[in-house]
Amino acid sequence: MTIQATLFSFVNRWECDENDHLNVQFYFSRFEEADRQFRLISGLSETLVGARRVRHVRFHKELRTGDLITVQSSVAFDGPHMLTVIHELRDGGTGMLAATALDGYEPNASSAKNLRQRFSDFQTPMISEASPRGLSAGPAGHRATLPGVQSKGAQICYRGTVLPRDIGIDNKADDQFALSCCTDGVPHVWQRTPMTHSYLSENGFGRVAVEMKLTWATPLKTGDTVIVATGFTGVGPKTFSMRHHLFESRTGRLAATLDVVALTMDLEARKAVALPQEAHQTINKMLID
């Protein structure tokens, strides 16, 4: 045994966003289910490897209404973490790679040899397509505070509440919830730049994420209220990056951090377009890192 088939799914119309493709929160939900299945098949557990430190996702191909989805999962000991689980999400109709996720674990160094032996039947080499590019591989730090990130220029873009439907099987808010908070808030982040809703609509452009890194700091439970504060962290000719900080509102504790590399896409050609010069200049002045 090596790579394992861990998910068979389908893109529903209601999961697609204003760009007419699968919203990123549902890529994360597919990876979450694939991971549950892989843990069952392989015997991987937090008792053996500790809690997941980071999930790093890259988007390679759009998925649209009606597309089939498959996920295959394996362990890579040559990945960016001491133990890396790779999830390869493909278009089930064509076999093309649509997205990849790297789940990073840092078990005790003394257990490395035993883990290699234990998971040898589920091991595959690291694939280059999944390697981090616009974001570092390591998890984000856990020391951010709301006043601290606001003092650097981050601004609030979302407020919400954890509802029963947002809770996973471990009684904590799941990845999809964190992503939904950030994706609902991100249009307000774009609105701070020259690439406003009006600008995008007039030019036939859309907002697209190409790489994301989710780091959980503390769990959220039903009834917790949350707030997202976001700031820009970098800008290039076609892409820019931002960091969403998800805080529990009552205590101000950091729950999760989502790092994102985004671009503007021509919705007709389905290709990235260069940022307007004024957007590059504006974002560069707003960097929080």
C-alpha atoms as a PDB file:
ATOM      1  CA  MET A   1       0.000   0.000   0.000  1.00  0.00           C
ATOM      2  CA  THR A   2       1.118   3.592  -0.672  1.00  0.00           C
ATOM      3  CA  ILE A   3      -1.210   6.416  -1.628  1.00  0.00           C
ATOM      4  CA  GLN A   4      -4.783   5.946  -0.394  1.00  0.00           C
ATOM      5  CA  ALA A   5      -8.090   6.931  -1.987  1.00  0.00           C
ATOM      6  CA  THR A   6      -9.721   8.957   0.799  1.00  0.00           C
ATOM      7  CA  LEU A   7     -12.567  10.913  -0.810  1.00  0.00           C
ATOM      8  CA  PHE A   8     -15.099  10.656  -3.636  1.00  0.00           C
ATOM      9  CA  SER A   9     -17.199  13.785  -3.976  1.00  0.00           C
ATOM     10  CA  PHE A  10     -18.879  16.269  -6.326  1.00  0.00           C
ATOM     11  CA  VAL A  11     -19.126  20.054  -6.784  1.00  0.00           C
ATOM     12  CA  ASN A  12     -22.607  21.279  -5.902  1.00  0.00           C
ATOM     13  CA  ARG A  13     -23.934  24.497  -7.413  1.00  0.00           C
ATOM     14  CA  TRP A  14     -24.513  26.013  -3.958  1.00  0.00           C
ATOM     15  CA  GLU A  15     -20.814  25.566  -3.131  1.00  0.00           C
ATOM     16  CA  CYS A  16     -19.694  27.859  -5.965  1.00  0.00           C
ATOM     17  CA  ASP A  17     -19.048  31.561  -5.432  1.00  0.00           C
ATOM     18  CA  GLU A  18     -19.366  34.726  -7.488  1.00  0.00           C
ATOM     19  CA  ASN A  19     -16.532  33.527  -9.760  1.00  0.00           C
ATOM     20  CA  ASP A  20     -18.599  30.452 -10.677  1.00  0.00           C
ATOM     21  CA  HIS A  21     -16.108  28.012  -9.170  1.00  0.00           C
ATOM     22  CA  LEU A  22     -15.816  25.992  -5.960  1.00  0.00           C
ATOM     23  CA  ASN A  23     -15.326  28.327  -2.995  1.00  0.00           C
ATOM     24  CA  VAL A  24     -12.114  27.760  -1.044  1.00  0.00           C
ATOM     25  CA  GLN A  25     -13.950  26.857   2.165  1.00  0.00           C
ATOM     26  CA  PHE A  26     -15.265  23.743   0.436  1.00  0.00           C
ATOM     27  CA  TYR A  27     -11.801  22.672  -0.689  1.00  0.00           C
ATOM     28  CA  PHE A  28     -10.891  22.762   3.000  1.00  0.00           C
ATOM     29  CA  SER A  29     -13.995  20.779   3.938  1.00  0.00           C
ATOM     30  CA  ARG A  30     -13.016  18.090   1.386  1.00  0.00           C
ATOM     31  CA  PHE A  31      -9.485  17.933   2.791  1.00  0.00           C
ATOM     32  CA  GLU A  32     -10.901  17.663   6.303  1.00  0.00           C
ATOM     33  CA  GLU A  33     -13.013  14.639   5.387  1.00  0.00           C
ATOM     34  CA  ALA A  34     -10.167  13.042   3.431  1.00  0.00           C
ATOM     35  CA  ASP A  35      -7.963  13.475   6.482  1.00  0.00           C
ATOM     36  CA  ARG A  36     -10.511  11.736   8.724  1.00  0.00           C
ATOM     37  CA  GLN A  37     -10.593   8.800   6.335  1.00  0.00           C
ATOM     38  CA  PHE A  38      -6.813   8.664   6.049  1.00  0.00           C
ATOM     39  CA  ARG A  39      -6.458   8.605   9.837  1.00  0.00           C
ATOM     40  CA  LEU A  40      -8.873   5.680   9.972  1.00  0.00           C
ATOM     41  CA  ILE A  41      -7.067   3.767   7.224  1.00  0.00           C
ATOM     42  CA  SER A  42      -3.504   4.443   8.411  1.00  0.00           C
ATOM     43  CA  GLY A  43      -3.921   4.584  12.181  1.00  0.00           C
ATOM     44  CA  LEU A  44      -2.437   8.078  12.373  1.00  0.00           C
ATOM     45  CA  SER A  45      -3.535   9.899  15.534  1.00  0.00           C
ATOM     46  CA  GLU A  46      -2.582  12.799  17.769  1.00  0.00           C
ATOM     47  CA  THR A  47      -1.385  10.275  20.349  1.00  0.00           C
ATOM     48  CA  LEU A  48       1.329   9.236  17.890  1.00  0.00           C
ATOM     49  CA  VAL A  49       2.245  12.490  16.127  1.00  0.00           C
ATOM     50  CA  GLY A  50       0.701  15.332  18.145  1.00  0.00           C
ATOM     51  CA  ALA A  51      -1.811  17.869  16.911  1.00  0.00           C
ATOM     52  CA  ARG A  52      -1.676  19.169  13.359  1.00  0.00           C
ATOM     53  CA  ARG A  53       0.345  22.377  13.399  1.00  0.00           C
ATOM     54  CA  VAL A  54      -0.585  23.751   9.993  1.00  0.00           C
ATOM     55  CA  ARG A  55      -2.556  22.989   6.818  1.00  0.00           C
ATOM     56  CA  HIS A  56      -1.004  24.488   3.676  1.00  0.00           C
ATOM     57  CA  VAL A  57      -3.183  24.481   0.551  1.00  0.00           C
ATOM     58  CA  ARG A  58      -2.309  25.345  -3.027  1.00  0.00           C
ATOM     59  CA  PHE A  59      -4.944  25.730  -5.758  1.00  0.00           C
ATOM     60  CA  HIS A  60      -3.928  24.488  -9.209  1.00  0.00           C
ATOM     61  CA  LYS A  61      -7.117  24.207 -11.258  1.00  0.00           C
ATOM     62  CA  GLU A  62     -10.630  25.582 -10.976  1.00  0.00           C
ATOM     63  CA  LEU A  63     -13.457  23.203 -10.133  1.00  0.00           C
ATOM     64  CA  ARG A  64     -16.925  24.164 -11.297  1.00  0.00           C
ATOM     65  CA  THR A  65     -20.500  22.963 -10.873  1.00  0.00           C
ATOM     66  CA  GLY A  66     -20.864  19.274 -11.668  1.00  0.00           C
ATOM     67  CA  ASP A  67     -17.160  18.407 -11.566  1.00  0.00           C
ATOM     68  CA  LEU A  68     -16.220  15.168  -9.844  1.00  0.00           C
ATOM     69  CA  ILE A  69     -13.762  15.289  -6.936  1.00  0.00           C
ATOM     70  CA  THR A  70     -11.370  12.621  -5.699  1.00  0.00           C
ATOM     71  CA  VAL A  71      -8.697  12.883  -3.016  1.00  0.00           C
ATOM     72  CA  GLN A  72      -5.710  10.617  -2.449  1.00  0.00           C
ATOM     73  CA  SER A  73      -3.635  10.870   0.723  1.00  0.00           C
ATOM     74  CA  SER A  74      -0.239   9.657   1.887  1.00  0.00           C
ATOM     75  CA  VAL A  75       2.649  10.371   4.265  1.00  0.00           C
ATOM     76  CA  ALA A  76       5.809  12.123   3.019  1.00  0.00           C
ATOM     77  CA  PHE A  77       8.891  12.035   5.215  1.00  0.00           C
ATOM     78  CA  ASP A  78      10.756  14.256   2.743  1.00  0.00           C
ATOM     79  CA  GLY A  79       8.197  17.069   3.085  1.00  0.00           C
ATOM     80  CA  PRO A  80       8.705  20.407   4.867  1.00  0.00           C
ATOM     81  CA  HIS A  81       7.689  18.994   8.286  1.00  0.00           C
ATOM     82  CA  MET A  82       9.012  16.156  10.384  1.00  0.00           C
ATOM     83  CA  LEU A  83       5.884  14.288   9.336  1.00  0.00           C
ATOM     84  CA  THR A  84       3.883  15.601   6.391  1.00  0.00           C
ATOM     85  CA  VAL A  85       0.558  14.234   5.201  1.00  0.00           C
ATOM     86  CA  ILE A  86      -0.163  15.071   1.552  1.00  0.00           C
ATOM     87  CA  HIS A  87      -3.697  15.256   0.189  1.00  0.00           C
ATOM     88  CA  GLU A  88      -4.008  15.427  -3.622  1.00  0.00           C
ATOM     89  CA  LEU A  89      -7.416  16.682  -4.760  1.00  0.00           C
ATOM     90  CA  ARG A  90      -8.144  15.935  -8.405  1.00  0.00           C
ATOM     91  CA  ASP A  91     -10.850  16.451 -10.978  1.00  0.00           C
ATOM     92  CA  GLY A  92     -12.414  12.994 -10.960  1.00  0.00           C
ATOM     93  CA  GLY A  93     -13.375  13.284 -14.606  1.00  0.00           C
ATOM     94  CA  THR A  94     -10.021  14.270 -16.065  1.00  0.00           C
ATOM     95  CA  GLY A  95      -7.544  13.260 -13.360  1.00  0.00           C
ATOM     96  CA  MET A  96      -6.041  16.762 -13.341  1.00  0.00           C
ATOM     97  CA  LEU A  97      -4.631  18.018 -10.055  1.00  0.00           C
ATOM     98  CA  ALA A  98      -6.947  20.740  -8.723  1.00  0.00           C
ATOM     99  CA  ALA A  99      -5.518  21.398  -5.248  1.00  0.00           C
ATOM    100  CA  THR A 100      -3.024  20.031  -2.749  1.00  0.00           C
ATOM    101  CA  ALA A 101      -2.861  20.199   1.030  1.00  0.00           C
ATOM    102  CA  LEU A 102       0.123  19.643   3.280  1.00  0.00           C
ATOM    103  CA  ASP A 103      -0.690  18.810   6.891  1.00  0.00           C
ATOM    104  CA  GLY A 104       2.318  19.476   9.083  1.00  0.00           C
ATOM    105  CA  TYR A 105       3.147  17.591  12.291  1.00  0.00           C
ATOM    106  CA  GLU A 106       6.177  17.861  14.538  1.00  0.00           C
ATOM    107  CA  PRO A 107       6.314  14.685  16.641  1.00  0.00           C
ATOM    108  CA  ASN A 108       9.151  14.032  19.069  1.00  0.00           C
ATOM    109  CA  ALA A 109      12.405  13.718  17.120  1.00  0.00           C
ATOM    110  CA  SER A 110      13.228  10.488  18.937  1.00  0.00           C
ATOM    111  CA  SER A 111      10.155   8.848  17.399  1.00  0.00           C
ATOM    112  CA  ALA A 112      11.123   9.539  13.771  1.00  0.00           C
ATOM    113  CA  LYS A 113      12.511   6.073  13.062  1.00  0.00           C
ATOM    114  CA  ASN A 114       9.518   4.315  14.584  1.00  0.00           C
ATOM    115  CA  LEU A 115       7.107   6.529  12.646  1.00  0.00           C
ATOM    116  CA  ARG A 116       8.880   5.744   9.366  1.00  0.00           C
ATOM    117  CA  GLN A 117       8.424   2.066  10.070  1.00  0.00           C
ATOM    118  CA  ARG A 118       4.836   2.423  11.275  1.00  0.00           C
ATOM    119  CA  PHE A 119       3.696   4.389   8.211  1.00  0.00           C
ATOM    120  CA  SER A 120       5.935   2.766   5.590  1.00  0.00           C
ATOM    121  CA  ASP A 121       2.898   1.259   3.853  1.00  0.00           C
ATOM    122  CA  PHE A 122       1.405   4.754   3.403  1.00  0.00           C
ATOM    123  CA  GLN A 123       4.540   6.604   2.338  1.00  0.00           C
ATOM    124  CA  THR A 124       5.082   8.395  -0.983  1.00  0.00           C
ATOM    125  CA  PRO A 125       7.675  10.971  -2.113  1.00  0.00           C
ATOM    126  CA  MET A 126       6.829  14.639  -1.735  1.00  0.00           C
ATOM    127  CA  ILE A 127       5.340  16.073  -4.946  1.00  0.00           C
ATOM    128  CA  SER A 128       6.668  19.407  -6.181  1.00  0.00           C
ATOM    129  CA  GLU A 129       3.179  20.756  -6.940  1.00  0.00           C
ATOM    130  CA  ALA A 130       2.354  20.765  -3.225  1.00  0.00           C
ATOM    131  CA  SER A 131       5.506  22.615  -2.132  1.00  0.00           C
ATOM    132  CA  PRO A 132       4.913  26.041  -0.547  1.00  0.00           C
ATOM    133  CA  ARG A 133       5.714  28.940  -2.865  1.00  0.00           C
ATOM    134  CA  GLY A 134       4.243  32.262  -1.830  1.00  0.00           C
ATOM    135  CA  LEU A 135       4.027  31.379   1.871  1.00  0.00           C
ATOM    136  CA  SER A 136       6.497  29.818   4.280  1.00  0.00           C
ATOM    137  CA  ALA A 137       5.902  26.223   5.320  1.00  0.00           C
ATOM    138  CA  GLY A 138       5.928  26.767   9.086  1.00  0.00           C
ATOM    139  CA  PRO A 139       2.869  27.642  11.181  1.00  0.00           C
ATOM    140  CA  ALA A 140       2.077  31.236  12.060  1.00  0.00           C
ATOM    141  CA  GLY A 141       2.923  32.410  15.561  1.00  0.00           C
ATOM    142  CA  HIS A 142       0.374  32.291  18.368  1.00  0.00           C
ATOM    143  CA  ARG A 143       1.164  35.590  20.077  1.00  0.00           C
ATOM    144  CA  ALA A 144      -0.898  38.017  18.014  1.00  0.00           C
ATOM    145  CA  THR A 145      -3.380  40.241  19.849  1.00  0.00           C
ATOM    146  CA  LEU A 146      -6.201  42.305  18.394  1.00  0.00           C
ATOM    147  CA  PRO A 147      -4.770  45.640  19.640  1.00  0.00           C
ATOM    148  CA  GLY A 148      -1.345  44.581  18.386  1.00  0.00           C
ATOM    149  CA  VAL A 149      -2.388  43.755  14.825  1.00  0.00           C
ATOM    150  CA  GLN A 150      -4.627  46.824  14.669  1.00  0.00           C
ATOM    151  CA  SER A 151      -1.711  49.026  15.702  1.00  0.00           C
ATOM    152  CA  LYS A 152       0.152  47.714  12.637  1.00  0.00           C
ATOM    153  CA  GLY A 153      -2.716  48.521  10.285  1.00  0.00           C
ATOM    154  CA  ALA A 154      -4.931  45.428  10.306  1.00  0.00           C
ATOM    155  CA  GLN A 155      -8.629  46.256  10.208  1.00  0.00           C
ATOM    156  CA  ILE A 156     -11.741  44.364  11.253  1.00  0.00           C
ATOM    157  CA  CYS A 157     -13.575  42.820   8.297  1.00  0.00           C
ATOM    158  CA  TYR A 158     -15.871  40.248   9.918  1.00  0.00           C
ATOM    159  CA  ARG A 159     -17.859  39.475  13.076  1.00  0.00           C
ATOM    160  CA  GLY A 160     -19.804  36.296  13.723  1.00  0.00           C
ATOM    161  CA  THR A 161     -20.824  33.486  16.052  1.00  0.00           C
ATOM    162  CA  VAL A 162     -19.922  29.795  16.151  1.00  0.00           C
ATOM    163  CA  LEU A 163     -23.173  27.881  15.566  1.00  0.00           C
ATOM    164  CA  PRO A 164     -23.843  24.165  16.144  1.00  0.00           C
ATOM    165  CA  ARG A 165     -23.528  23.510  12.400  1.00  0.00           C
ATOM    166  CA  ASP A 166     -19.932  24.824  12.505  1.00  0.00           C
ATOM    167  CA  ILE A 167     -18.736  22.174  14.957  1.00  0.00           C
ATOM    168  CA  GLY A 168     -16.775  19.133  13.842  1.00  0.00           C
ATOM    169  CA  ILE A 169     -16.750  15.632  15.283  1.00  0.00           C
ATOM    170  CA  ASP A 170     -14.156  16.723  17.866  1.00  0.00           C
ATOM    171  CA  ASN A 171     -16.612  19.310  19.293  1.00  0.00           C
ATOM    172  CA  LYS A 172     -14.543  22.232  17.966  1.00  0.00           C
ATOM    173  CA  ALA A 173     -15.161  24.642  15.110  1.00  0.00           C
ATOM    174  CA  ASP A 174     -13.728  23.119  11.953  1.00  0.00           C
ATOM    175  CA  ASP A 175     -11.537  24.418   9.141  1.00  0.00           C
ATOM    176  CA  GLN A 176     -14.523  25.280   6.985  1.00  0.00           C
ATOM    177  CA  PHE A 177     -15.827  27.629   9.666  1.00  0.00           C
ATOM    178  CA  ALA A 178     -12.525  29.509   9.867  1.00  0.00           C
ATOM    179  CA  LEU A 179     -12.401  29.772   6.075  1.00  0.00           C
ATOM    180  CA  SER A 180     -16.005  30.949   5.838  1.00  0.00           C
ATOM    181  CA  CYS A 181     -15.323  33.797   8.274  1.00  0.00           C
ATOM    182  CA  CYS A 182     -12.343  34.938   6.216  1.00  0.00           C
ATOM    183  CA  THR A 183     -13.966  34.510   2.810  1.00  0.00           C
ATOM    184  CA  ASP A 184     -17.030  36.467   3.931  1.00  0.00           C
ATOM    185  CA  GLY A 185     -14.769  39.230   5.219  1.00  0.00           C
ATOM    186  CA  VAL A 186     -12.232  39.391   2.405  1.00  0.00           C
ATOM    187  CA  PRO A 187     -14.345  41.474  -0.046  1.00  0.00           C
ATOM    188  CA  HIS A 188     -14.160  44.258   2.541  1.00  0.00           C
ATOM    189  CA  VAL A 189     -10.366  43.902   2.555  1.00  0.00           C
ATOM    190  CA  TRP A 190     -10.217  44.258  -1.223  1.00  0.00           C
ATOM    191  CA  GLN A 191     -12.432  47.308  -0.879  1.00  0.00           C
ATOM    192  CA  ARG A 192      -9.554  49.100   0.882  1.00  0.00           C
ATOM    193  CA  THR A 193      -7.568  48.935  -2.354  1.00  0.00           C
ATOM    194  CA  PRO A 194      -8.228  50.430  -5.816  1.00  0.00           C
ATOM    195  CA  MET A 195      -9.560  46.954  -6.757  1.00  0.00           C
ATOM    196  CA  THR A 196     -12.980  47.734  -5.350  1.00  0.00           C
ATOM    197  CA  HIS A 197     -16.188  45.855  -6.101  1.00  0.00           C
ATOM    198  CA  SER A 198     -17.034  48.456  -8.769  1.00  0.00           C
ATOM    199  CA  TYR A 199     -13.589  48.181 -10.378  1.00  0.00           C
ATOM    200  CA  LEU A 200     -13.787  44.386 -10.546  1.00  0.00           C
ATOM    201  CA  SER A 201     -17.336  44.424 -11.936  1.00  0.00           C
ATOM    202  CA  GLU A 202     -16.587  47.029 -14.593  1.00  0.00           C
ATOM    203  CA  ASN A 203     -13.550  45.081 -15.841  1.00  0.00           C
ATOM    204  CA  GLY A 204     -14.973  41.583 -15.594  1.00  0.00           C
ATOM    205  CA  PHE A 205     -12.447  40.557 -12.949  1.00  0.00           C
ATOM    206  CA  GLY A 206     -12.760  38.290  -9.935  1.00  0.00           C
ATOM    207  CA  ARG A 207     -10.999  37.754  -6.601  1.00  0.00           C
ATOM    208  CA  VAL A 208      -9.001  34.505  -6.449  1.00  0.00           C
ATOM    209  CA  ALA A 209      -6.830  32.810  -3.833  1.00  0.00           C
ATOM    210  CA  VAL A 210      -3.959  30.664  -5.102  1.00  0.00           C
ATOM    211  CA  GLU A 211      -2.337  29.599  -1.834  1.00  0.00           C
ATOM    212  CA  MET A 212      -3.472  29.444   1.804  1.00  0.00           C
ATOM    213  CA  LYS A 213      -2.009  28.407   5.139  1.00  0.00           C
ATOM    214  CA  LEU A 214      -4.269  27.775   8.140  1.00  0.00           C
ATOM    215  CA  THR A 215      -2.809  27.695  11.643  1.00  0.00           C
ATOM    216  CA  TRP A 216      -5.062  26.990  14.617  1.00  0.00           C
ATOM    217  CA  ALA A 217      -3.965  28.545  17.912  1.00  0.00           C
ATOM    218  CA  THR A 218      -6.867  27.733  20.264  1.00  0.00           C
ATOM    219  CA  PRO A 219     -10.193  25.941  19.697  1.00  0.00           C
ATOM    220  CA  LEU A 220     -13.594  27.551  19.262  1.00  0.00           C
ATOM    221  CA  LYS A 221     -16.833  26.039  20.558  1.00  0.00           C
ATOM    222  CA  THR A 222     -20.547  26.596  20.022  1.00  0.00           C
ATOM    223  CA  GLY A 223     -21.635  30.066  21.127  1.00  0.00           C
ATOM    224  CA  ASP A 224     -18.219  31.697  20.877  1.00  0.00           C
ATOM    225  CA  THR A 225     -18.314  35.044  19.109  1.00  0.00           C
ATOM    226  CA  VAL A 226     -15.501  35.801  16.701  1.00  0.00           C
ATOM    227  CA  ILE A 227     -13.870  38.726  14.967  1.00  0.00           C
ATOM    228  CA  VAL A 228     -11.480  38.800  11.995  1.00  0.00           C
ATOM    229  CA  ALA A 229      -8.810  41.479  11.624  1.00  0.00           C
ATOM    230  CA  THR A 230      -6.866  41.472   8.369  1.00  0.00           C
ATOM    231  CA  GLY A 231      -3.791  43.199   7.022  1.00  0.00           C
ATOM    232  CA  PHE A 232      -1.654  43.008   3.874  1.00  0.00           C
ATOM    233  CA  THR A 233       1.705  41.241   4.132  1.00  0.00           C
ATOM    234  CA  GLY A 234       3.202  41.534   0.645  1.00  0.00           C
ATOM    235  CA  VAL A 235       2.628  42.613  -2.955  1.00  0.00           C
ATOM    236  CA  GLY A 236       4.053  41.647  -6.339  1.00  0.00           C
ATOM    237  CA  PRO A 237       3.304  42.303 -10.029  1.00  0.00           C
ATOM    238  CA  LYS A 238       0.268  39.980 -10.129  1.00  0.00           C
ATOM    239  CA  THR A 239      -0.238  38.738  -6.575  1.00  0.00           C
ATOM    240  CA  PHE A 240      -0.498  40.116  -3.096  1.00  0.00           C
ATOM    241  CA  SER A 241      -0.672  38.442   0.301  1.00  0.00           C
ATOM    242  CA  MET A 242      -2.689  39.086   3.427  1.00  0.00           C
ATOM    243  CA  ARG A 243      -3.092  37.642   6.908  1.00  0.00           C
ATOM    244  CA  HIS A 244      -6.465  37.077   8.534  1.00  0.00           C
ATOM    245  CA  HIS A 245      -6.422  36.914  12.351  1.00  0.00           C
ATOM    246  CA  LEU A 246      -9.445  35.117  13.826  1.00  0.00           C
ATOM    247  CA  PHE A 247     -10.029  36.088  17.463  1.00  0.00           C
ATOM    248  CA  GLU A 248     -12.603  34.992  20.024  1.00  0.00           C
ATOM    249  CA  SER A 249     -14.344  38.289  20.760  1.00  0.00           C
ATOM    250  CA  ARG A 250     -15.088  38.112  24.493  1.00  0.00           C
ATOM    251  CA  THR A 251     -11.564  37.319  25.679  1.00  0.00           C
ATOM    252  CA  GLY A 252      -9.595  38.535  22.679  1.00  0.00           C
ATOM    253  CA  ARG A 253      -7.676  35.261  22.417  1.00  0.00           C
ATOM    254  CA  LEU A 254      -6.273  34.263  19.028  1.00  0.00           C
ATOM    255  CA  ALA A 255      -8.116  31.264  17.579  1.00  0.00           C
ATOM    256  CA  ALA A 256      -6.549  30.916  14.128  1.00  0.00           C
ATOM    257  CA  THR A 257      -4.472  32.639  11.472  1.00  0.00           C
ATOM    258  CA  LEU A 258      -5.053  32.315   7.737  1.00  0.00           C
ATOM    259  CA  ASP A 259      -2.293  33.459   5.387  1.00  0.00           C
ATOM    260  CA  VAL A 260      -3.406  34.006   1.798  1.00  0.00           C
ATOM    261  CA  VAL A 261      -1.826  34.710  -1.583  1.00  0.00           C
ATOM    262  CA  ALA A 262      -4.414  36.269  -3.891  1.00  0.00           C
ATOM    263  CA  LEU A 263      -4.695  37.624  -7.418  1.00  0.00           C
ATOM    264  CA  THR A 264      -7.125  39.255  -9.809  1.00  0.00           C
ATOM    265  CA  MET A 265      -8.509  36.987 -12.520  1.00  0.00           C
ATOM    266  CA  ASP A 266     -10.088  37.836 -15.855  1.00  0.00           C
ATOM    267  CA  LEU A 267     -13.366  35.926 -15.576  1.00  0.00           C
ATOM    268  CA  GLU A 268     -13.714  35.457 -19.329  1.00  0.00           C
ATOM    269  CA  ALA A 269     -10.160  34.342 -20.093  1.00  0.00           C
ATOM    270  CA  ARG A 270      -9.862  32.637 -16.647  1.00  0.00           C
ATOM    271  CA  LYS A 271      -6.323  33.990 -16.336  1.00  0.00           C
ATOM    272  CA  ALA A 272      -4.497  36.177 -13.843  1.00  0.00           C
ATOM    273  CA  VAL A 273      -4.047  39.837 -14.724  1.00  0.00           C
ATOM    274  CA  ALA A 274      -1.436  42.283 -13.493  1.00  0.00           C
ATOM    275  CA  LEU A 275      -2.326  44.542 -10.588  1.00  0.00           C
ATOM    276  CA  PRO A 276      -2.929  48.153 -11.563  1.00  0.00           C
ATOM    277  CA  GLN A 277      -0.008  50.354 -10.526  1.00  0.00           C
ATOM    278  CA  GLU A 278      -2.115  52.302  -8.047  1.00  0.00           C
ATOM    279  CA  ALA A 279      -3.131  49.041  -6.326  1.00  0.00           C
ATOM    280  CA  HIS A 280       0.500  48.000  -6.027  1.00  0.00           C
ATOM    281  CA  GLN A 281       1.387  51.348  -4.482  1.00  0.00           C
ATOM    282  CA  THR A 282      -1.605  51.381  -2.132  1.00  0.00           C
ATOM    283  CA  ILE A 283      -1.053  47.868  -0.796  1.00  0.00           C
ATOM    284  CA  ASN A 284       2.666  48.501  -0.373  1.00  0.00           C
ATOM    285  CA  LYS A 285       1.870  51.399   1.954  1.00  0.00           C
ATOM    286  CA  MET A 286      -0.496  49.240   4.040  1.00  0.00           C
ATOM    287  CA  LEU A 287       1.777  46.291   4.825  1.00  0.00           C
ATOM    288  CA  ILE A 288       1.605  45.092   8.420  1.00  0.00           C
ATOM    289  CA  ASP A 289       4.761  42.918   8.378  1.00  0.00           C
END
